[in-house]
Each structure stands twice: as structure tokens, then as C-alpha cells.
Amino acid sequence: MKISARNQFSGTISAVKAGAVNSEVDVTLAGGQKIVAMVTNESANALNLKSGGEVVALVKASSVLVMTDSSGLRISARNCLEGTVKALNLGPVSAEVTIALAGGTEVHATITHAAATDLGLKEGGAATAVFKASAVILGVAA
């Protein structure tokens, strides 16, 4: 598969919870972190999403927020993956941030240069990748 989404996470479905319209799908990554995806029930059925199944979770880098200090703030985004800044590429307007998670998985984010500066991002520093469950697209082998 060739696709422009920078974040392509292979994982195993650990739970599928069907609602009236949408299903919440929990995906466990190799390092033990979990990603939550929200897909329509029609998509869950078409993809035959079941516990134990293998999936690829896609998230565009522009959909990933970066947080360095929550200060006890609770947020509604279901996906908060803690890690360490592995790479930081500062451009004049935008910045690319790569956050390494335990187990070797990497999350890529594109944020503004100003945000990277305000957050004090630096290689080796702690950071959390944040994205909504609705930003996750799931794929399965054909």
C-alpha cells in the first residue's frame, strides 16, 4: 500500500464496541500502546473488524497535536501517546516532529514553528502525541 499518511500503525484489534451508528475500535500496537478509532458500523462490518484481527491505523501528521505539559488538564481526545522527541525539523513556518514511543513506534506531527518554540520542543525531550479517534482510518489486508 502506498499512501500519503505519515503515520501508519500496524496493530491488533483488542476490542470492538458497536454503538447505534459508530463502532469504537481499540488497536494495540507492538509496544503495548493503544489507539482508539471511531468508524461507522457499516465500515466495521465491511472490514470484518473483530477482536484479534490485524489492522493498519492511518493518521495524517497534520491531525496530530503535540503536548508537553498537560498540567492536569483532561482532554476529550482519546489518543494520547507519550514518548520522546526523536527528531525536530524546524522550517520558517512549520515544524515536523517525530515522537518515539516505547517499543519503537514513531508518531509524526506537523505543527507551526511558533508552537514548537512555545512548547520548548527539543530532541530527547518528553512529548505526547494527541489525536481524536475520528482522525484514525483503519485498513485491513484485501
Protein backbone atom coordinates (compact mmCIF):
# COMPACT_ATOMS: atom_id res chain seq x y z
CA MET A 1 0.00 0.00 0.00
CA LYS A 2 1.27 3.44 -0.90
CA ILE A 3 -0.48 6.30 0.87
CA SER A 4 0.43 9.83 1.90
CA ALA A 5 -0.47 9.44 5.60
CA ARG A 6 2.79 9.71 7.56
CA ASN A 7 1.50 7.63 10.45
CA GLN A 8 0.86 4.01 9.54
CA PHE A 9 0.48 1.89 12.66
CA SER A 10 0.22 -1.90 12.41
CA GLY A 11 -1.67 -3.42 15.29
CA THR A 12 -4.10 -5.99 16.62
CA ILE A 13 -7.71 -5.24 17.41
CA SER A 14 -8.25 -5.69 21.14
CA ALA A 15 -11.92 -4.64 21.27
CA VAL A 16 -14.81 -3.54 19.06
CA LYS A 17 -17.71 -1.75 20.75
CA ALA A 18 -20.68 -1.16 18.47
CA GLY A 19 -22.93 1.83 19.06
CA ALA A 20 -26.09 2.98 17.29
CA VAL A 21 -24.18 4.47 14.33
CA ASN A 22 -20.45 4.10 15.01
CA SER A 23 -18.13 1.48 16.43
CA GLU A 24 -15.22 2.20 18.71
CA VAL A 25 -12.22 0.04 17.80
CA ASP A 26 -9.27 -0.42 20.16
CA VAL A 27 -6.00 -1.27 18.43
CA THR A 28 -2.94 -2.46 20.36
CA LEU A 29 0.44 -1.54 18.88
CA ALA A 30 3.64 -3.59 19.11
CA GLY A 31 4.92 -1.57 22.09
CA GLY A 32 1.68 -2.09 24.02
CA GLN A 33 0.20 1.37 23.39
CA LYS A 34 -3.43 1.55 22.35
CA ILE A 35 -5.06 3.61 19.64
CA VAL A 36 -8.80 4.15 19.59
CA ALA A 37 -10.55 4.57 16.22
CA MET A 38 -14.14 5.59 15.59
CA VAL A 39 -15.61 4.11 12.40
CA THR A 40 -19.14 3.64 11.15
CA ASN A 41 -20.81 0.33 11.88
CA GLU A 42 -21.07 -0.16 8.12
CA SER A 43 -17.27 0.16 7.80
CA ALA A 44 -16.67 -2.14 10.77
CA ASN A 45 -18.84 -4.79 9.12
CA ALA A 46 -17.37 -4.29 5.63
CA LEU A 47 -13.83 -4.65 7.01
CA ASN A 48 -14.87 -7.57 9.27
CA LEU A 49 -13.30 -5.87 12.29
CA LYS A 50 -13.11 -8.34 15.17
CA SER A 51 -11.02 -8.76 18.28
CA GLY A 52 -7.72 -10.42 17.37
CA GLY A 53 -7.76 -9.15 13.79
CA GLU A 54 -4.79 -7.33 12.27
CA VAL A 55 -5.27 -3.75 11.06
CA VAL A 56 -3.35 -0.74 9.91
CA ALA A 57 -4.33 2.55 11.54
CA LEU A 58 -3.65 5.64 9.43
CA VAL A 59 -3.39 9.18 10.84
CA LYS A 60 -2.30 12.23 8.89
CA ALA A 61 0.56 14.12 10.56
CA SER A 62 -1.50 17.32 10.36
CA SER A 63 -4.15 15.68 12.58
CA VAL A 64 -1.64 15.07 15.39
CA LEU A 65 -1.27 17.69 18.14
CA VAL A 66 1.80 17.81 20.36
CA MET A 67 1.57 18.34 24.11
CA THR A 68 4.47 18.73 26.54
CA ASP A 69 2.72 19.53 29.81
CA SER A 70 -0.90 18.70 30.47
CA SER A 71 -0.78 20.33 33.93
CA GLY A 72 -3.57 18.01 35.00
CA LEU A 73 -5.73 19.04 32.04
CA ARG A 74 -8.21 16.40 30.92
CA ILE A 75 -8.98 16.40 27.20
CA SER A 76 -11.58 14.65 25.08
CA ALA A 77 -9.11 13.28 22.51
CA ARG A 78 -8.99 9.52 23.04
CA ASN A 79 -5.43 9.06 21.79
CA CYS A 80 -2.62 10.45 23.95
CA LEU A 81 0.64 8.62 23.22
CA GLU A 82 3.56 9.58 25.46
CA GLY A 83 7.09 9.44 24.15
CA THR A 84 10.29 11.31 23.43
CA VAL A 85 11.05 13.77 20.64
CA LYS A 86 13.29 11.80 18.29
CA ALA A 87 13.56 14.41 15.54
CA LEU A 88 12.60 18.04 15.11
CA ASN A 89 12.78 19.75 11.74
CA LEU A 90 12.06 23.47 12.08
CA GLY A 91 11.05 25.31 8.94
CA PRO A 92 10.29 29.02 8.71
CA VAL A 93 6.53 28.42 9.11
CA SER A 94 6.02 24.77 10.04
CA ALA A 95 7.81 22.10 12.02
CA GLU A 96 7.94 18.33 11.66
CA VAL A 97 8.08 16.46 14.95
CA THR A 98 8.81 12.76 15.33
CA ILE A 99 7.88 11.28 18.70
CA ALA A 100 9.35 7.85 19.55
CA LEU A 101 7.13 5.60 21.64
CA ALA A 102 8.19 2.62 23.74
CA GLY A 103 8.62 -0.41 21.51
CA GLY A 104 9.98 1.58 18.57
CA THR A 105 6.76 3.00 17.10
CA GLU A 106 7.06 6.60 15.87
CA VAL A 107 4.38 9.26 15.57
CA HIS A 108 4.83 12.14 13.13
CA ALA A 109 3.21 15.54 13.61
CA THR A 110 3.28 18.75 11.62
CA ILE A 111 2.74 21.84 13.74
CA THR A 112 3.60 25.51 13.41
CA HIS A 113 7.13 26.72 14.06
CA ALA A 114 5.69 29.06 16.70
CA ALA A 115 4.02 26.14 18.51
CA ALA A 116 7.26 24.13 18.51
CA THR A 117 9.05 27.13 20.01
CA ASP A 118 6.31 27.84 22.58
CA LEU A 119 6.33 24.18 23.66
CA GLY A 120 10.12 24.22 24.04
CA LEU A 121 10.45 21.12 21.89
CA LYS A 122 13.92 19.62 21.66
CA GLU A 123 15.30 16.25 20.70
CA GLY A 124 15.28 13.95 23.72
CA GLY A 125 12.53 15.91 25.46
CA ALA A 126 9.25 14.39 26.59
CA ALA A 127 6.19 14.92 24.38
CA THR A 128 2.74 13.45 23.90
CA ALA A 129 1.09 12.90 20.52
CA VAL A 130 -2.63 13.69 20.72
CA PHE A 131 -5.30 12.90 18.11
CA LYS A 132 -9.01 12.22 18.03
CA ALA A 133 -10.46 8.75 17.44
CA SER A 134 -12.33 10.15 14.42
CA ALA A 135 -8.96 11.08 12.81
CA VAL A 136 -7.99 7.40 12.58
CA ILE A 137 -8.67 5.47 9.37
CA LEU A 138 -8.48 1.68 9.60
CA GLY A 139 -7.42 -0.67 6.83
CA VAL A 140 -7.18 -4.45 6.53
CA ALA A 141 -5.47 -6.76 4.06
CA ALA A 142 -7.56 -7.39 0.96
